[in-house]
Protein backbone atom coordinates (compact mmCIF):
# COMPACT_ATOMS: atom_id res chain seq x y z
CA UNK A 1 -5.95 -11.05 8.39
CA UNK A 2 -4.43 -10.09 11.71
CA UNK A 3 -5.40 -13.39 13.12
CA UNK A 4 -3.86 -15.17 10.20
CA UNK A 5 -0.63 -13.17 10.34
CA UNK A 6 -0.55 -13.60 14.18
CA UNK A 7 -0.41 -9.92 14.79
CA UNK A 8 -2.53 -6.92 15.78
CA UNK A 9 -4.94 -5.14 13.54
CA UNK A 10 -2.61 -2.12 13.91
CA UNK A 11 0.26 -4.00 12.56
CA UNK A 12 -1.76 -5.06 9.58
CA UNK A 13 -2.74 -1.60 8.76
CA UNK A 14 0.90 -0.38 9.13
CA UNK A 15 2.27 -3.12 6.83
CA UNK A 16 -0.47 -2.28 4.28
CA UNK A 17 0.24 1.54 4.39
CA UNK A 18 3.91 0.88 3.88
CA UNK A 19 3.31 -1.54 1.12
CA UNK A 20 1.17 1.12 -0.71
CA UNK A 21 3.67 3.86 -0.05
CA UNK A 22 6.39 1.56 -1.58
CA UNK A 23 4.21 0.54 -4.57
CA UNK A 24 3.41 4.23 -5.21
CA UNK A 25 7.22 4.98 -5.24
CA UNK A 26 8.07 2.16 -7.46
CA UNK A 27 5.21 3.02 -9.98
CA UNK A 28 6.39 6.75 -10.03
CA UNK A 29 9.80 5.62 -11.02
CA UNK A 30 8.30 3.65 -13.90
CA UNK A 31 6.34 6.63 -15.09
CA UNK A 32 3.04 5.44 -13.94
CA UNK A 33 2.71 7.17 -10.56
CA UNK A 34 -0.45 8.63 -9.17
CA UNK A 35 -2.56 7.76 -12.22
CA UNK A 36 -2.33 4.14 -11.30
CA UNK A 37 -2.85 4.55 -7.65
CA UNK A 38 -5.96 6.67 -8.16
CA UNK A 39 -7.37 4.11 -10.56
CA UNK A 40 -6.82 1.37 -7.92
CA UNK A 41 -8.94 3.39 -5.58
CA UNK A 42 -5.90 3.88 -3.19
CA UNK A 43 -5.42 7.02 -1.19
CA UNK A 44 -1.97 7.86 -0.21
């Protein structure tokens, strides 16, 4: 993934972490919150 994106593995991990955090905030506002994140197997 890092090679395809043209960046380091650390950058990919950072982007992924930020995306998961943003997704969890959006889902929380929709009333879905941690239930969905846990079911996806994502640890925040």
